[in-house]
């Protein structure tokens, strides 16, 4: 993929803004880009884990469009978020592109080095109820990285 449609400097190697990916597979334009972003799928770091149902849940319509996206996803190298135990919750969130949740994690008691240990056992229910992460893409990214 080319690096058109967004600043590459803020993305890890092999990860692209959703706009760039959709343009490359012939589904560019605001329609699908807006739907992906609204569900928390801002970039391609989550792709390797996506299934047809996930794509349909985003709002992609038409079997041909879903199949085209699945084929493009399967052809991509694995650029999923690496599982790691961070040394600092705020820096970890920043590295995932989810800095907007810093205050919510802090309020829920997940901050600094002491909060890191607790992240290993955090499930999607806790992320949703206690921290307020509701976008499916953000939930997946957090769970894949913890």
Protein backbone atom coordinates (compact mmCIF):
# COMPACT_ATOMS: atom_id res chain seq x y z
CA UNK A 1 0.00 0.00 0.00
CA UNK A 2 1.10 3.51 -0.63
CA UNK A 3 1.20 6.09 2.10
CA UNK A 4 -1.39 8.41 0.64
CA UNK A 5 -4.26 9.70 2.69
CA UNK A 6 -2.70 10.46 6.04
CA UNK A 7 0.43 11.04 8.00
CA UNK A 8 2.60 7.92 7.97
CA UNK A 9 4.84 9.16 10.75
CA UNK A 10 2.26 8.37 13.41
CA UNK A 11 1.78 4.73 12.34
CA UNK A 12 4.04 1.73 12.96
CA UNK A 13 5.63 0.10 9.93
CA UNK A 14 3.07 -1.79 7.83
CA UNK A 15 0.10 -0.06 9.48
CA UNK A 16 -1.91 2.41 7.42
CA UNK A 17 -4.79 4.81 8.03
CA UNK A 18 -8.12 3.20 7.17
CA UNK A 19 -8.64 5.81 4.43
CA UNK A 20 -5.48 4.67 2.63
CA UNK A 21 -6.43 1.00 2.83
CA UNK A 22 -9.98 1.55 1.59
CA UNK A 23 -8.72 3.63 -1.34
CA UNK A 24 -6.22 0.93 -2.30
CA UNK A 25 -8.91 -1.78 -2.39
CA UNK A 26 -11.31 0.41 -4.38
CA UNK A 27 -13.70 1.26 -1.55
CA UNK A 28 -12.46 4.76 -0.81
CA UNK A 29 -14.67 7.68 -0.08
CA UNK A 30 -16.25 9.00 3.05
CA UNK A 31 -19.02 6.38 3.25
CA UNK A 32 -17.02 3.42 4.55
CA UNK A 33 -14.20 5.43 6.08
CA UNK A 34 -16.65 7.18 8.41
CA UNK A 35 -18.23 3.85 9.40
CA UNK A 36 -14.90 2.22 10.20
CA UNK A 37 -13.74 5.21 12.25
CA UNK A 38 -17.06 5.41 14.12
CA UNK A 39 -16.51 1.81 15.25
CA UNK A 40 -12.93 2.54 16.35
CA UNK A 41 -11.14 1.06 13.36
CA UNK A 42 -8.88 4.03 12.56
CA UNK A 43 -6.03 2.05 11.03
CA UNK A 44 -5.05 -1.41 9.78
CA UNK A 45 -3.45 -2.67 13.01
CA UNK A 46 -6.60 -4.63 13.85
CA UNK A 47 -7.12 -6.29 10.47
CA UNK A 48 -5.57 -9.69 10.99
CA UNK A 49 -8.26 -10.54 13.56
CA UNK A 50 -11.24 -9.32 11.50
CA UNK A 51 -13.89 -11.73 10.28
CA UNK A 52 -16.68 -11.21 7.76
CA UNK A 53 -19.13 -10.54 10.60
CA UNK A 54 -16.89 -7.74 11.94
CA UNK A 55 -16.87 -6.10 8.51
CA UNK A 56 -20.64 -6.40 8.22
CA UNK A 57 -21.04 -4.97 11.75
CA UNK A 58 -19.05 -1.92 10.66
CA UNK A 59 -21.72 -1.32 8.04
CA UNK A 60 -20.11 -2.61 4.85
CA UNK A 61 -22.92 -3.74 2.58
CA UNK A 62 -22.88 -6.08 -0.36
CA UNK A 63 -21.35 -9.53 -0.41
CA UNK A 64 -18.87 -8.40 -3.07
CA UNK A 65 -17.59 -5.54 -0.92
CA UNK A 66 -17.27 -7.77 2.14
CA UNK A 67 -15.42 -10.44 0.13
CA UNK A 68 -13.12 -7.83 -1.45
CA UNK A 69 -12.18 -6.53 2.00
CA UNK A 70 -11.64 -10.03 3.39
CA UNK A 71 -9.36 -10.91 0.46
CA UNK A 72 -7.35 -7.70 0.93
CA UNK A 73 -7.07 -8.39 4.68
CA UNK A 74 -5.90 -11.96 4.10
CA UNK A 75 -3.27 -10.72 1.64
CA UNK A 76 -1.78 -8.31 4.22
CA UNK A 77 1.12 -9.20 6.47
CA UNK A 78 0.33 -9.58 10.15
CA UNK A 79 0.62 -6.07 11.57
CA UNK A 80 -1.58 -6.71 14.57
CA UNK A 81 -0.82 -4.99 17.83
CA UNK A 82 1.92 -6.93 19.63
CA UNK A 83 1.03 -8.30 23.03
CA UNK A 84 3.20 -6.68 25.62
CA UNK A 85 3.22 -5.62 29.21
CA UNK A 86 3.83 -1.88 29.26
CA UNK A 87 5.81 -0.12 31.94
CA UNK A 88 3.42 2.83 32.08
CA UNK A 89 -0.29 2.86 31.23
CA UNK A 90 -0.28 6.36 29.73
CA UNK A 91 2.65 5.59 27.42
CA UNK A 92 1.05 2.28 26.44
CA UNK A 93 -2.19 4.01 25.48
CA UNK A 94 -0.22 6.59 23.51
CA UNK A 95 1.64 3.84 21.62
CA UNK A 96 -1.69 2.27 20.67
CA UNK A 97 -3.09 5.56 19.43
CA UNK A 98 -5.67 5.55 22.24
CA UNK A 99 -4.48 8.47 24.36
CA UNK A 100 -8.08 9.70 24.64
CA UNK A 101 -8.62 7.00 27.30
CA UNK A 102 -5.81 8.12 29.62
CA UNK A 103 -8.07 9.90 32.10
CA UNK A 104 -10.62 7.08 32.09
CA UNK A 105 -7.96 4.47 32.87
CA UNK A 106 -6.58 6.70 35.63
CA UNK A 107 -10.05 7.21 37.16
CA UNK A 108 -10.58 3.42 37.12
CA UNK A 109 -7.29 2.91 38.98
CA UNK A 110 -5.09 1.86 36.07
CA UNK A 111 -2.15 4.24 36.06
CA UNK A 112 1.61 4.17 36.22
CA UNK A 113 3.51 0.96 36.80
CA UNK A 114 1.12 -0.37 39.44
CA UNK A 115 -1.81 -0.22 37.04
CA UNK A 116 0.07 -2.15 34.41
CA UNK A 117 -0.05 -5.44 36.33
CA UNK A 118 -3.84 -5.26 36.49
CA UNK A 119 -4.16 -4.78 32.72
CA UNK A 120 -3.32 -8.40 32.00
CA UNK A 121 -6.66 -9.59 33.39
CA UNK A 122 -8.87 -6.81 32.02
CA UNK A 123 -11.70 -8.13 29.86
CA UNK A 124 -14.07 -6.36 27.49
CA UNK A 125 -16.79 -6.00 30.15
CA UNK A 126 -14.44 -4.04 32.43
CA UNK A 127 -13.20 -1.96 29.51
CA UNK A 128 -16.79 -1.10 28.60
CA UNK A 129 -18.37 -0.63 32.05
CA UNK A 130 -15.58 0.86 34.13
CA UNK A 131 -13.46 2.64 31.56
CA UNK A 132 -16.08 3.51 28.95
CA UNK A 133 -14.42 2.01 25.88
CA UNK A 134 -17.33 1.25 23.56
CA UNK A 135 -15.90 1.24 20.04
CA UNK A 136 -15.33 -2.38 18.93
CA UNK A 137 -12.04 -1.54 17.22
CA UNK A 138 -10.66 0.11 20.35
CA UNK A 139 -11.76 -2.84 22.50
CA UNK A 140 -10.03 -5.31 20.19
CA UNK A 141 -6.86 -3.26 20.04
CA UNK A 142 -6.67 -2.99 23.84
CA UNK A 143 -7.34 -6.67 24.36
CA UNK A 144 -4.80 -7.74 21.74
CA UNK A 145 -2.12 -5.56 23.33
CA UNK A 146 -2.70 -6.42 27.00
